[in-house]
Amino acid sequence: MSKDYEDQDLETEVIAETESFLAWRADEPDGESTFHLELNNLTVHFFAEEWEEFLQLSELLLEEQG
């Protein structure tokens, strides 16, 4: 999914989505990408470095569940 916001020049892309959760990326006008997790009524925002660390944490959690 891509859309432009009228007040900002953002390109967005949905990374993954379930019934209750959404992960998406926004390409900011300055060239930086930010990542966002929508978890019901909570949204968590990440810069690229933070997102990479969050993905590492997610992988560790999955390994623990295995």
Foldseek 3Di string as FASTA:
>chain_A
DFDQDPVAGWTKDWPDDDPAKTKMWIQHPVRWIKIWIGGRPDIDIGGPVRVVVVVVVVVVVVVVVD
